[in-house]
């Protein structure tokens, strides 16, 4: 089951290797105190114990799940920020230096909705209800409980491992700041006929609209039949069983339509800070409020999703060109631009590594000032995208938004900053990282969204 995170209004950022907590404006020291080391060491020791343990540590199942999903929940929020400060500093230092198991619930019931704890290697995977987790909105917990009740009433088995059969899979829950709720149920048809599947879809609608699940007050109920772990709307359509086809979210005065398979930041309050910071990094403003660039030029938004960054930044540039793989997200982005009366945005569907190199050839003629922002998945940018960005001499400013900067993104960082390398086909002048801004999108976890500004 996939659930979103709660909101947090506190963020931190770095300027010239000094961390600041935006809430207080007080600088953190970059030196690590003995207390910090003790906390970090304790966290590492706990992690090692967790990996080795076969659930002989005396913890309750709820504590184990909280430790797995929100590892920092035992720390105060100030302590969490200190730990994240040190983690981000290590990441920046590195840049500068450069299943096969019986899946059941705790009570033995395979029809349990929650999150998995354990590993396939140890053979101790169990599903634990998430009602106690700090980063789960109450509405999401309610939908999860109701979905569990529904599948326990259903005559169909859950689909835990595809090859063992079963049908009911995950549920994804989305909510916006107004409390509107979208639920997406994923279903493996196995050998059921279309008519047989239709019967169970009707039961699902009945339960959530007129049965006990009506307490969830769902604004949208979607259903996707799929024989794959994940697939797009084009591969297997999201079927609207009840309610509205979209929910809407407002960020920094702009309204955005969100479809079932489109990406949008789950932490609405922190998203305000994230997008505002990205906008300022892409197109800084003077004290008078005017763009610093005499020619405002074009903003190239790679992996643009539903168009949030480009649309929010659109008043400061002459033109926005977005590139996005998910076709439904491109349709949402185009709709969102029209919804906000933004006329200088264009969104292109396709793989960035295919679309961008050809687009760069067009932009080489009279594009003026080019600024790029990239917001890829954890897999990072395709090498062709990095090559195209480096090769385009008109790009003097590039903002990289990473949800996992210590993963594949680090390879991107190094390739953007290294000397020209003929073997890797890296031409053009190298970028230099000049500013790092971590935003705490995920309280109670070790993760941060890291914004890196590269200039040349």
Protein backbone atom coordinates (compact mmCIF):
# COMPACT_ATOMS: atom_id res chain seq x y z
CA UNK A 1 0.00 0.00 0.00
CA UNK A 2 1.30 3.44 -0.90
CA UNK A 3 0.51 6.38 1.38
CA UNK A 4 1.67 9.99 1.35
CA UNK A 5 3.58 11.85 4.02
CA UNK A 6 2.43 14.48 6.48
CA UNK A 7 3.34 18.11 6.04
CA UNK A 8 6.18 19.97 7.71
CA UNK A 9 6.76 23.70 7.64
CA UNK A 10 10.44 23.61 8.60
CA UNK A 11 13.21 23.48 6.04
CA UNK A 12 16.93 23.98 6.09
CA UNK A 13 19.36 25.22 3.53
CA UNK A 14 23.10 25.60 3.01
CA UNK A 15 24.97 28.63 1.85
CA UNK A 16 28.72 28.28 1.38
CA UNK A 17 28.89 25.13 3.53
CA UNK A 18 27.05 26.72 6.47
CA UNK A 19 23.64 25.29 7.35
CA UNK A 20 20.74 27.46 8.41
CA UNK A 21 17.41 26.47 9.84
CA UNK A 22 15.01 28.75 8.00
CA UNK A 23 12.53 28.72 10.84
CA UNK A 24 14.96 30.42 13.24
CA UNK A 25 17.56 31.94 10.94
CA UNK A 26 20.30 30.71 13.28
CA UNK A 27 23.38 29.09 11.69
CA UNK A 28 24.32 25.56 12.57
CA UNK A 29 27.97 24.81 13.14
CA UNK A 30 29.49 22.51 10.52
CA UNK A 31 31.50 20.84 13.31
CA UNK A 32 30.03 17.62 14.69
CA UNK A 33 29.63 17.60 18.46
CA UNK A 34 30.22 14.51 20.61
CA UNK A 35 26.47 14.33 21.18
CA UNK A 36 25.89 14.34 17.41
CA UNK A 37 28.40 11.55 16.98
CA UNK A 38 26.74 9.55 19.73
CA UNK A 39 23.32 9.96 18.14
CA UNK A 40 24.60 9.09 14.68
CA UNK A 41 26.53 6.12 16.04
CA UNK A 42 23.48 4.92 17.93
CA UNK A 43 21.40 5.13 14.75
CA UNK A 44 24.01 3.15 12.80
CA UNK A 45 24.24 0.49 15.50
CA UNK A 46 20.45 0.19 15.55
CA UNK A 47 20.44 -0.21 11.75
CA UNK A 48 23.02 -3.01 11.95
CA UNK A 49 21.03 -4.74 14.68
CA UNK A 50 17.88 -4.44 12.59
CA UNK A 51 19.56 -6.10 9.60
CA UNK A 52 20.89 -8.99 11.67
CA UNK A 53 17.86 -9.42 13.88
CA UNK A 54 15.28 -12.13 13.21
CA UNK A 55 12.78 -10.22 15.37
CA UNK A 56 14.39 -11.17 18.66
CA UNK A 57 14.87 -7.57 19.79
CA UNK A 58 11.78 -7.38 22.00
CA UNK A 59 10.20 -4.53 20.00
CA UNK A 60 6.52 -4.49 19.14
CA UNK A 61 5.49 -4.82 15.49
CA UNK A 62 4.37 -1.20 15.55
CA UNK A 63 7.81 -0.08 16.76
CA UNK A 64 9.54 -2.16 14.08
CA UNK A 65 7.39 -0.63 11.33
CA UNK A 66 7.95 2.89 12.68
CA UNK A 67 11.71 2.21 12.74
CA UNK A 68 11.59 0.99 9.13
CA UNK A 69 9.39 3.75 7.66
CA UNK A 70 10.23 6.71 9.94
CA UNK A 71 13.65 5.81 11.40
CA UNK A 72 14.05 9.16 13.15
CA UNK A 73 10.72 9.14 14.97
CA UNK A 74 12.39 8.67 18.36
CA UNK A 75 14.37 11.93 17.92
CA UNK A 76 13.06 15.44 18.46
CA UNK A 77 12.64 17.44 15.25
CA UNK A 78 15.66 19.57 16.14
CA UNK A 79 17.74 16.39 16.47
CA UNK A 80 16.39 15.14 13.14
CA UNK A 81 17.54 18.32 11.42
CA UNK A 82 20.99 18.01 12.96
CA UNK A 83 21.33 14.45 11.72
CA UNK A 84 20.18 15.45 8.23
CA UNK A 85 22.60 18.36 8.30
CA UNK A 86 25.49 15.97 8.77
CA UNK A 87 24.21 13.59 6.08
CA UNK A 88 23.88 16.37 3.52
CA UNK A 89 27.34 17.68 4.43
CA UNK A 90 28.80 14.23 3.71
CA UNK A 91 27.08 14.19 0.32
CA UNK A 92 28.45 17.61 -0.57
CA UNK A 93 31.90 16.61 0.65
CA UNK A 94 31.82 13.61 -1.68
CA UNK A 95 30.84 15.88 -4.57
CA UNK A 96 33.64 18.30 -3.82
CA UNK A 97 36.05 15.37 -3.65
CA UNK A 98 35.37 14.53 -7.02
CA UNK A 99 11.44 -12.59 -2.82
CA UNK A 100 10.49 -15.42 -1.96
CA UNK A 101 8.70 -15.46 1.40
CA UNK A 102 5.39 -16.19 3.08
CA UNK A 103 3.83 -12.71 3.25
CA UNK A 104 1.27 -12.33 6.02
CA UNK A 105 0.04 -9.86 8.57
CA UNK A 106 1.14 -9.86 12.17
CA UNK A 107 -2.04 -11.75 13.05
CA UNK A 108 -1.36 -14.34 10.34
CA UNK A 109 -4.01 -12.96 8.00
CA UNK A 110 -2.71 -12.54 4.42
CA UNK A 111 -5.47 -9.98 3.79
CA UNK A 112 -3.69 -7.25 5.73
CA UNK A 113 -3.24 -3.69 4.44
CA UNK A 114 -0.16 -1.91 5.72
CA UNK A 115 3.55 -1.80 5.01
CA UNK A 116 6.11 -4.60 4.89
CA UNK A 117 8.75 -5.16 7.55
CA UNK A 118 11.55 -7.70 7.16
CA UNK A 119 13.59 -9.12 4.30
CA UNK A 120 13.17 -11.91 1.78
CA UNK A 121 16.66 -13.16 2.60
CA UNK A 122 15.75 -13.77 6.25
CA UNK A 123 12.29 -15.03 5.32
CA UNK A 124 10.64 -12.86 7.98
CA UNK A 125 8.55 -10.43 5.92
CA UNK A 126 5.28 -9.43 7.58
CA UNK A 127 2.70 -6.74 6.79
CA UNK A 128 2.01 -4.30 9.63
CA UNK A 129 -0.87 -1.82 9.87
CA UNK A 130 0.37 1.77 9.62
CA UNK A 131 -2.13 3.47 11.92
CA UNK A 132 0.56 4.56 14.38
CA UNK A 133 3.00 6.15 11.89
CA UNK A 134 3.65 9.87 12.33
CA UNK A 135 3.96 10.61 8.60
CA UNK A 136 0.60 9.14 7.59
CA UNK A 137 -2.42 11.50 7.41
CA UNK A 138 -5.44 10.28 9.35
CA UNK A 139 -7.56 10.20 6.19
CA UNK A 140 -5.08 7.81 4.58
CA UNK A 141 -5.18 5.54 7.61
CA UNK A 142 -8.97 5.47 7.44
CA UNK A 143 -8.95 4.49 3.76
CA UNK A 144 -6.39 1.75 4.48
CA UNK A 145 -8.51 0.30 7.29
CA UNK A 146 -11.60 0.31 5.09
CA UNK A 147 -9.75 -1.32 2.19
CA UNK A 148 -8.53 -4.04 4.55
CA UNK A 149 -12.10 -4.65 5.74
CA UNK A 150 -13.26 -4.83 2.11
CA UNK A 151 -10.68 -7.37 0.93
CA UNK A 152 -11.32 -9.52 4.02
CA UNK A 153 -14.97 -9.64 3.01
CA UNK A 154 -14.10 -10.38 -0.62
CA UNK A 155 -14.19 -13.93 -2.00
CA UNK A 156 -10.92 -13.21 -3.87
CA UNK A 157 -7.45 -13.75 -2.42
CA UNK A 158 -4.83 -11.00 -2.16
CA UNK A 159 -2.05 -10.94 -4.75
CA UNK A 160 1.15 -10.97 -2.73
CA UNK A 161 3.44 -12.64 -5.26
CA UNK A 162 2.23 -12.64 -8.86
CA UNK A 163 3.15 -16.26 -9.60
CA UNK A 164 1.20 -17.59 -6.59
CA UNK A 165 -2.13 -16.15 -7.76
CA UNK A 166 -4.53 -13.82 -6.02
CA UNK A 167 -6.04 -10.54 -7.16
CA UNK A 168 -6.21 -7.66 -4.65
CA UNK A 169 -2.94 -5.74 -4.64
CA UNK A 170 -1.97 -2.28 -3.39
CA UNK A 171 -3.97 0.85 -2.76
CA UNK A 172 -2.59 4.36 -3.29
CA UNK A 173 -4.18 7.28 -1.45
CA UNK A 174 -3.79 10.95 -2.42
CA UNK A 175 -5.16 13.94 -0.54
CA UNK A 176 -4.83 17.68 -1.10
CA UNK A 177 -4.77 20.58 1.32
CA UNK A 178 -8.56 20.83 1.18
CA UNK A 179 -8.94 17.19 2.25
CA UNK A 180 -10.17 15.90 -1.11
CA UNK A 181 -9.24 12.24 -1.40
CA UNK A 182 -8.37 9.99 -4.33
CA UNK A 183 -7.93 6.22 -3.90
CA UNK A 184 -6.42 3.94 -6.57
CA UNK A 185 -6.88 0.17 -6.21
CA UNK A 186 -4.49 -2.10 -8.14
CA UNK A 187 -5.83 -5.50 -9.19
CA UNK A 188 -4.27 -8.55 -10.86
CA UNK A 189 -6.88 -10.17 -13.15
CA UNK A 190 -5.05 -13.52 -13.33
CA UNK A 191 -7.47 -15.72 -15.36
CA UNK A 192 -10.70 -13.92 -14.53
CA UNK A 193 -12.94 -12.91 -17.42
CA UNK A 194 -13.90 -9.27 -17.96
CA UNK A 195 -17.40 -10.09 -16.71
CA UNK A 196 -16.03 -11.64 -13.51
CA UNK A 197 -13.77 -8.64 -12.87
CA UNK A 198 -16.76 -6.32 -13.39
CA UNK A 199 -18.62 -8.05 -10.52
CA UNK A 200 -15.80 -7.32 -8.09
CA UNK A 201 -15.46 -3.73 -9.29
CA UNK A 202 -19.15 -3.25 -8.53
CA UNK A 203 -18.61 -4.67 -5.03
CA UNK A 204 -15.72 -2.25 -4.52
CA UNK A 205 -17.84 0.74 -5.57
CA UNK A 206 -20.75 -0.42 -3.43
CA UNK A 207 -18.52 -0.74 -0.35
CA UNK A 208 -16.91 2.72 -0.70
CA UNK A 209 -20.04 4.63 -1.76
CA UNK A 210 -22.91 3.02 0.15
CA UNK A 211 -21.23 0.58 2.52
CA UNK A 212 -18.89 1.06 5.52
CA UNK A 213 -16.23 2.58 3.24
CA UNK A 214 -18.48 5.59 2.59
CA UNK A 215 -17.01 7.01 5.81
CA UNK A 216 -13.90 7.80 3.72
CA UNK A 217 -15.92 10.25 1.58
CA UNK A 218 -13.80 9.50 -1.47
CA UNK A 219 -13.81 12.18 -4.16
CA UNK A 220 -12.26 9.76 -6.67
CA UNK A 221 -12.03 5.97 -6.81
CA UNK A 222 -9.82 4.48 -9.52
CA UNK A 223 -9.16 0.88 -10.48
CA UNK A 224 -6.26 -0.45 -12.53
CA UNK A 225 -5.94 -4.03 -13.79
CA UNK A 226 -2.30 -4.91 -14.26
CA UNK A 227 -0.06 -7.96 -14.51
CA UNK A 228 3.00 -5.79 -13.83
CA UNK A 229 4.31 -4.16 -10.69
CA UNK A 230 3.84 -0.70 -12.20
CA UNK A 231 2.45 0.41 -15.55
CA UNK A 232 1.27 3.63 -17.14
CA UNK A 233 -2.25 4.69 -18.05
CA UNK A 234 -1.40 3.97 -21.68
CA UNK A 235 -0.32 0.40 -20.84
CA UNK A 236 -3.35 -0.29 -18.66
CA UNK A 237 -5.95 2.48 -18.24
CA UNK A 238 -6.85 3.85 -14.84
CA UNK A 239 -10.60 3.20 -14.68
CA UNK A 240 -12.65 5.82 -12.84
CA UNK A 241 -15.23 3.87 -10.85
CA UNK A 242 -16.62 6.75 -8.81
CA UNK A 243 -16.33 10.50 -8.44
CA UNK A 244 -14.14 13.07 -10.15
CA UNK A 245 -11.31 12.23 -12.56
CA UNK A 246 -8.91 14.64 -10.84
CA UNK A 247 -8.15 16.42 -7.60
CA UNK A 248 -6.57 19.86 -7.45
CA UNK A 249 -3.80 21.39 -5.36
CA UNK A 250 -2.78 25.03 -4.97
CA UNK A 251 0.88 26.03 -4.60
CA UNK A 252 2.16 29.63 -4.41
CA UNK A 253 -1.08 30.96 -5.88
CA UNK A 254 -1.13 28.51 -8.82
CA UNK A 255 -3.68 25.72 -9.16
CA UNK A 256 -2.70 22.26 -10.41
CA UNK A 257 -4.75 19.33 -11.68
CA UNK A 258 -3.56 15.94 -10.45
CA UNK A 259 -4.42 12.72 -12.30
CA UNK A 260 -4.23 9.19 -10.96
CA UNK A 261 -0.77 8.42 -12.40
CA UNK A 262 0.75 11.93 -12.39
CA UNK A 263 3.52 12.80 -9.93
CA UNK A 264 2.99 15.62 -7.45
CA UNK A 265 4.81 16.40 -4.21
CA UNK A 266 3.04 14.73 -1.29
CA UNK A 267 4.08 17.26 1.38
CA UNK A 268 2.05 20.32 0.43
CA UNK A 269 3.48 22.76 2.96
CA UNK A 270 7.08 21.81 2.18
CA UNK A 271 6.28 21.85 -1.55
CA UNK A 272 5.56 25.57 -1.22
CA UNK A 273 9.10 26.07 0.08
CA UNK A 274 10.61 23.68 -2.46
CA UNK A 275 9.05 25.31 -5.54
CA UNK A 276 9.66 28.84 -4.28
CA UNK A 277 13.34 28.01 -3.74
CA UNK A 278 13.65 26.35 -7.16
CA UNK A 279 12.12 29.42 -8.78
CA UNK A 280 14.55 31.74 -7.00
CA UNK A 281 17.52 29.57 -7.96
CA UNK A 282 16.45 29.41 -11.61
CA UNK A 283 15.58 33.09 -12.00
CA UNK A 284 16.82 35.22 -9.08
CA UNK A 285 15.19 38.57 -8.44
CA UNK A 286 16.69 41.86 -7.27
CA UNK A 287 15.56 43.71 -4.17
CA UNK A 288 13.26 45.70 -6.45
CA UNK A 289 11.62 42.45 -7.53
CA UNK A 290 12.90 42.47 -11.09
CA UNK A 291 14.62 39.56 -12.80
CA UNK A 292 18.41 39.79 -12.60
CA UNK A 293 18.72 38.80 -16.24
CA UNK A 294 18.38 41.67 -18.71
CA UNK A 295 17.07 39.10 -21.19
CA UNK A 296 14.82 36.77 -19.24
CA UNK A 297 15.18 34.05 -21.85
CA UNK A 298 13.95 30.43 -21.79
CA UNK A 299 13.56 28.00 -18.89
CA UNK A 300 14.12 24.37 -19.87
CA UNK A 301 12.24 22.10 -17.44
CA UNK A 302 13.43 18.48 -17.78
CA UNK A 303 11.26 15.81 -16.12
CA UNK A 304 8.59 18.45 -15.59
CA UNK A 305 5.77 16.23 -14.31
CA UNK A 306 2.51 18.19 -14.17
CA UNK A 307 4.36 21.43 -14.94
CA UNK A 308 4.56 22.89 -11.43
CA UNK A 309 8.10 24.32 -11.61
CA UNK A 310 7.74 25.80 -15.08
CA UNK A 311 4.32 27.32 -14.45
CA UNK A 312 5.38 28.84 -11.12
CA UNK A 313 8.51 30.32 -12.74
CA UNK A 314 6.73 31.43 -15.93
CA UNK A 315 6.17 35.09 -14.91
CA UNK A 316 9.95 35.56 -14.65
CA UNK A 317 10.93 34.16 -18.07
CA UNK A 318 9.92 34.68 -21.67
CA UNK A 319 9.35 31.01 -22.40
CA UNK A 320 9.12 27.64 -20.63
CA UNK A 321 9.71 24.33 -22.39
CA UNK A 322 8.95 21.21 -20.36
CA UNK A 323 9.81 17.59 -21.16
CA UNK A 324 8.03 14.67 -19.49
CA UNK A 325 7.86 10.92 -20.09
CA UNK A 326 4.34 10.30 -18.71
CA UNK A 327 1.82 11.39 -21.34
CA UNK A 328 -0.97 11.95 -18.83
CA UNK A 329 1.31 14.28 -16.87
CA UNK A 330 1.97 16.27 -20.07
CA UNK A 331 -1.78 16.60 -20.59
CA UNK A 332 -2.11 17.76 -16.98
CA UNK A 333 0.72 20.27 -17.44
CA UNK A 334 -0.88 21.73 -20.57
CA UNK A 335 -4.22 21.92 -18.76
CA UNK A 336 -2.58 23.52 -15.71
CA UNK A 337 -0.98 26.24 -17.83
CA UNK A 338 -4.37 27.10 -19.33
CA UNK A 339 -6.02 26.86 -15.90
CA UNK A 340 -3.63 29.52 -14.60
CA UNK A 341 -3.81 31.69 -17.76
CA UNK A 342 -0.13 31.03 -18.47
CA UNK A 343 0.55 31.38 -22.18
CA UNK A 344 4.33 31.04 -22.43
CA UNK A 345 4.62 27.33 -21.51
CA UNK A 346 5.00 24.40 -23.88
CA UNK A 347 5.20 20.77 -22.72
CA UNK A 348 6.65 17.96 -24.83
CA UNK A 349 5.99 14.24 -24.24
CA UNK A 350 8.74 11.63 -24.52
CA UNK A 351 11.96 10.37 -23.01
CA UNK A 352 14.28 13.23 -22.11
CA UNK A 353 17.25 11.43 -23.68
CA UNK A 354 15.36 11.36 -27.00
CA UNK A 355 13.62 14.74 -26.96
CA UNK A 356 16.34 16.93 -25.43
CA UNK A 357 19.25 16.45 -27.89
CA UNK A 358 17.01 17.33 -30.86
CA UNK A 359 15.51 20.26 -28.96
CA UNK A 360 18.98 21.62 -28.15
CA UNK A 361 19.73 21.89 -31.85
CA UNK A 362 16.67 24.09 -32.28
CA UNK A 363 17.50 26.19 -29.23
CA UNK A 364 20.99 26.88 -30.55
CA UNK A 365 19.51 29.43 -32.94
CA UNK A 366 18.31 32.59 -31.25
CA UNK A 367 17.13 31.15 -27.94
CA UNK A 368 18.92 33.83 -25.94
CA UNK A 369 19.62 33.07 -22.27
CA UNK A 370 18.90 29.45 -21.38
CA UNK A 371 18.34 28.20 -17.83
CA UNK A 372 17.75 24.52 -17.09
CA UNK A 373 16.07 22.77 -14.17
CA UNK A 374 16.07 18.98 -13.91
CA UNK A 375 13.96 16.93 -11.51
CA UNK A 376 14.59 13.26 -12.34
CA UNK A 377 13.58 10.12 -10.48
CA UNK A 378 16.01 8.32 -8.16
CA UNK A 379 17.61 6.76 -11.24
CA UNK A 380 19.00 10.18 -12.15
CA UNK A 381 19.48 11.62 -15.64
CA UNK A 382 20.27 9.49 -18.66
CA UNK A 383 23.88 10.07 -19.86
CA UNK A 384 22.56 11.55 -23.12
CA UNK A 385 20.71 14.22 -21.15
CA UNK A 386 23.86 15.18 -19.25
CA UNK A 387 25.82 15.36 -22.53
CA UNK A 388 23.16 17.55 -24.13
CA UNK A 389 23.12 19.94 -21.18
CA UNK A 390 26.89 20.28 -21.14
CA UNK A 391 27.13 20.72 -24.87
CA UNK A 392 24.63 23.61 -24.95
CA UNK A 393 26.85 26.65 -24.34
CA UNK A 394 23.85 28.94 -23.80
CA UNK A 395 23.09 27.27 -20.45
CA UNK A 396 24.92 29.18 -17.73
CA UNK A 397 22.65 28.20 -14.85
CA UNK A 398 21.34 24.70 -14.04
CA UNK A 399 19.30 23.62 -11.01
CA UNK A 400 19.25 19.92 -10.11
CA UNK A 401 16.43 18.68 -7.83
CA UNK A 402 17.28 15.30 -6.30
CA UNK A 403 15.36 13.11 -3.87
CA UNK A 404 18.39 10.78 -3.52
CA UNK A 405 21.59 12.79 -3.99
CA UNK A 406 23.82 10.02 -2.65
CA UNK A 407 22.60 7.59 -5.33
CA UNK A 408 22.78 7.76 -9.13
CA UNK A 409 22.42 11.54 -8.96
CA UNK A 410 26.01 11.74 -7.70
CA UNK A 411 27.17 10.34 -11.04
CA UNK A 412 25.26 13.13 -12.77
CA UNK A 413 26.84 15.74 -10.50
CA UNK A 414 30.34 14.54 -11.33
CA UNK A 415 29.67 14.38 -15.06
CA UNK A 416 28.31 17.91 -15.04
CA UNK A 417 31.39 19.18 -13.24
CA UNK A 418 34.27 17.14 -14.71
CA UNK A 419 36.67 18.29 -17.40
CA UNK A 420 35.69 17.46 -20.99
CA UNK A 421 35.98 13.71 -21.51
CA UNK A 422 36.07 12.42 -25.07
CA UNK A 423 35.63 8.80 -24.00
CA UNK A 424 32.39 9.63 -22.15
CA UNK A 425 31.35 12.06 -24.91
CA UNK A 426 31.27 14.90 -22.38
CA UNK A 427 31.99 18.05 -24.33
CA UNK A 428 31.47 21.69 -23.45
CA UNK A 429 32.56 23.76 -20.49
CA UNK A 430 32.14 22.12 -17.09
CA UNK A 431 29.63 23.42 -14.53
CA UNK A 432 30.56 24.30 -10.96
CA UNK A 433 28.29 23.68 -7.95
CA UNK A 434 27.78 27.03 -6.22
CA UNK A 435 24.87 26.54 -3.83
CA UNK A 436 23.16 23.62 -2.10
CA UNK A 437 19.67 23.84 -0.59
CA UNK A 438 18.26 20.77 1.20
CA UNK A 439 14.52 20.89 1.90
CA UNK A 440 13.06 18.61 4.56
CA UNK A 441 10.22 17.05 2.58
CA UNK A 442 10.21 13.85 4.67
CA UNK A 443 10.13 14.46 8.46
CA UNK A 444 10.98 11.51 10.73
CA UNK A 445 13.06 9.91 7.96
CA UNK A 446 16.72 10.41 7.00
CA UNK A 447 15.75 11.73 3.54
CA UNK A 448 15.93 15.26 2.16
CA UNK A 449 15.17 16.81 -1.20
CA UNK A 450 18.45 18.43 -2.27
CA UNK A 451 18.57 21.38 -4.67
CA UNK A 452 21.95 22.03 -6.27
CA UNK A 453 22.75 25.13 -8.30
CA UNK A 454 25.39 24.66 -11.01
CA UNK A 455 26.84 27.64 -12.86
CA UNK A 456 29.44 28.30 -15.54
